[in-house]
Amino acid sequence: MLESQFRKYFQWAEAEKGVTGENLLRLLELRLDNVVHRLGFAASRREGRRQMVTHGHFQVNGRKVSVPSFLVKVGDAVQLRPTSKCRPRLDDNVNAGPRAGARSGSSSTRTRRRASSGSLPLRDDIQIPVAEQLIVELYSKK
């Protein structure tokens, strides 16, 4: 993610009610490339972004989405497109087991290659070691 795009996420997080750092992490967790990774469809965020989402292998609520920064809402259904040619790769990723940090609020039906997010991610669900307060302090100065 580039600096200008990250700055937009920070501005959105700052405008929301609540703690800015937690809002920022929540927004980043709701990106489609991250959701695809967390649900176990991609082995890494980079694979989720570059190989799967950008090439248009996923649908959100029945519509093709090829933008990695698409924000998934609670209750949105994320599924592999029926015409996708990355099924063998997806099967390997799904059979590898759940990813570290997979949220308990998301339900996944692996047989149909479909999943839906059940709740907003909480700070405890995000296992990435980051001091979000330092990010807030840096971007608040500018």
Protein backbone atom coordinates (compact mmCIF):
# COMPACT_ATOMS: atom_id res chain seq x y z
CA MET A 1 0.00 0.00 0.00
CA LEU A 2 1.31 3.41 -0.90
CA GLU A 3 1.66 6.36 1.45
CA SER A 4 -1.21 8.36 -0.06
CA GLN A 5 -3.61 5.44 0.23
CA PHE A 6 -2.53 4.81 3.83
CA ARG A 7 -3.10 8.49 4.61
CA LYS A 8 -6.70 8.18 3.34
CA TYR A 9 -7.30 5.23 5.64
CA PHE A 10 -5.92 7.26 8.52
CA GLN A 11 -8.24 10.16 7.72
CA TRP A 12 -11.23 7.81 7.60
CA ALA A 13 -10.18 6.24 10.92
CA GLU A 14 -9.78 9.68 12.48
CA ALA A 15 -13.26 10.72 11.35
CA GLU A 16 -14.93 7.67 12.94
CA LYS A 17 -15.96 7.56 16.58
CA GLY A 18 -13.70 5.65 18.91
CA VAL A 19 -9.98 5.10 19.16
CA THR A 20 -8.25 6.18 15.96
CA GLY A 21 -5.58 3.47 16.07
CA GLU A 22 -8.11 0.67 16.46
CA ASN A 23 -10.29 2.19 13.73
CA LEU A 24 -7.30 2.26 11.40
CA LEU A 25 -6.44 -1.39 12.04
CA ARG A 26 -10.10 -2.35 11.58
CA LEU A 27 -10.23 -0.60 8.20
CA LEU A 28 -7.06 -2.34 7.07
CA GLU A 29 -8.43 -5.71 8.21
CA LEU A 30 -11.60 -5.19 6.14
CA ARG A 31 -9.72 -4.83 2.83
CA LEU A 32 -10.62 -7.63 0.41
CA ASP A 33 -7.02 -8.80 -0.05
CA ASN A 34 -6.65 -9.19 3.71
CA VAL A 35 -10.04 -10.91 4.08
CA VAL A 36 -9.09 -13.41 1.37
CA HIS A 37 -5.87 -14.15 3.28
CA ARG A 38 -7.54 -14.38 6.71
CA LEU A 39 -10.21 -16.77 5.44
CA GLY A 40 -7.52 -19.11 4.19
CA PHE A 41 -8.11 -18.63 0.46
CA ALA A 42 -4.60 -17.17 -0.06
CA ALA A 43 -1.32 -18.21 1.53
CA SER A 44 -0.24 -14.59 2.05
CA ARG A 45 -1.62 -11.08 1.74
CA ARG A 46 0.57 -10.54 -1.30
CA GLU A 47 -0.85 -13.63 -3.02
CA GLY A 48 -4.35 -12.49 -2.09
CA ARG A 49 -3.74 -9.08 -3.62
CA ARG A 50 -1.63 -9.81 -6.66
CA GLN A 51 -2.75 -13.22 -7.79
CA MET A 52 -6.30 -13.71 -6.65
CA VAL A 53 -8.09 -10.41 -6.18
CA THR A 54 -6.40 -8.35 -8.90
CA HIS A 55 -6.96 -11.09 -11.47
CA GLY A 56 -10.67 -11.13 -10.62
CA HIS A 57 -11.00 -14.58 -9.08
CA PHE A 58 -13.41 -13.49 -6.32
CA GLN A 59 -16.97 -12.24 -6.02
CA VAL A 60 -18.45 -10.24 -3.19
CA ASN A 61 -22.21 -10.71 -2.88
CA GLY A 62 -22.32 -12.24 -6.35
CA ARG A 63 -20.44 -9.41 -8.11
CA LYS A 64 -16.91 -9.71 -9.48
CA VAL A 65 -14.44 -7.56 -7.56
CA SER A 66 -10.87 -7.05 -8.75
CA VAL A 67 -9.88 -4.18 -6.45
CA PRO A 68 -7.76 -5.29 -3.46
CA SER A 69 -8.73 -2.20 -1.44
CA PHE A 70 -12.45 -3.03 -1.63
CA LEU A 71 -13.82 -2.79 1.94
CA VAL A 72 -15.84 -5.84 2.94
CA LYS A 73 -18.81 -5.13 5.18
CA VAL A 74 -20.24 -7.37 7.90
CA GLY A 75 -22.39 -10.04 6.29
CA ASP A 76 -20.84 -9.78 2.81
CA ALA A 77 -20.37 -13.14 1.10
CA VAL A 78 -16.91 -13.62 -0.40
CA GLN A 79 -16.62 -16.52 -2.83
CA LEU A 80 -14.48 -17.83 -5.64
CA ARG A 81 -15.93 -17.13 -9.07
CA PRO A 82 -17.29 -20.26 -10.80
CA THR A 83 -15.16 -19.59 -13.89
CA SER A 84 -11.93 -19.06 -11.93
CA LYS A 85 -8.92 -21.08 -12.99
CA CYS A 86 -7.11 -20.86 -9.66
CA ARG A 87 -9.16 -23.66 -8.05
CA PRO A 88 -6.18 -26.02 -7.56
CA ARG A 89 -4.21 -23.28 -5.79
CA LEU A 90 -7.21 -22.38 -3.67
CA ASP A 91 -7.74 -26.04 -2.74
CA ASP A 92 -4.11 -26.23 -1.59
CA ASN A 93 -4.54 -23.10 0.54
CA VAL A 94 -7.83 -24.22 2.08
CA ASN A 95 -6.54 -27.71 2.85
CA ALA A 96 -3.45 -26.24 4.54
CA GLY A 97 -5.70 -25.30 7.47
CA PRO A 98 -6.73 -22.02 9.08
CA ARG A 99 -4.36 -19.08 8.97
CA ALA A 100 -2.76 -17.65 12.05
CA GLY A 101 -5.01 -14.90 13.29
CA ALA A 102 -8.13 -16.17 11.53
CA ARG A 103 -11.06 -14.42 13.12
CA SER A 104 -13.61 -16.41 15.03
CA GLY A 105 -16.33 -14.02 13.83
CA SER A 106 -16.01 -15.20 10.25
CA SER A 107 -17.67 -18.34 9.03
CA SER A 108 -16.26 -20.32 6.16
CA THR A 109 -17.84 -23.09 4.12
CA ARG A 110 -14.91 -24.71 2.42
CA THR A 111 -16.79 -27.13 0.22
CA ARG A 112 -18.45 -24.33 -1.75
CA ARG A 113 -15.43 -21.99 -1.60
CA ARG A 114 -17.59 -19.38 0.06
CA ALA A 115 -17.22 -17.42 3.28
CA SER A 116 -18.95 -14.53 4.98
CA SER A 117 -17.75 -12.14 7.63
CA GLY A 118 -19.81 -12.33 10.78
CA SER A 119 -18.52 -9.38 12.82
CA LEU A 120 -16.13 -6.46 12.81
CA PRO A 121 -12.58 -7.37 13.84
CA LEU A 122 -11.59 -6.39 17.35
CA ARG A 123 -8.10 -5.31 18.39
CA ASP A 124 -7.58 -8.67 20.14
CA ASP A 125 -8.26 -10.48 16.83
CA ILE A 126 -5.43 -8.66 15.07
CA GLN A 127 -2.22 -10.54 15.83
CA ILE A 128 0.14 -8.25 13.92
CA PRO A 129 2.66 -6.71 16.34
CA VAL A 130 2.12 -3.03 15.69
CA ALA A 131 1.98 -0.02 17.99
CA GLU A 132 -0.90 1.79 16.36
CA GLN A 133 -0.54 4.71 18.78
CA LEU A 134 2.83 5.56 17.21
CA ILE A 135 1.21 5.64 13.77
CA VAL A 136 -1.52 7.93 15.07
CA GLU A 137 1.06 10.27 16.60
CA LEU A 138 3.06 10.42 13.36
CA TYR A 139 0.08 11.14 11.12
CA SER A 140 -1.53 13.59 13.56
CA LYS A 141 1.48 15.91 13.23
CA LYS A 142 1.08 16.32 9.49
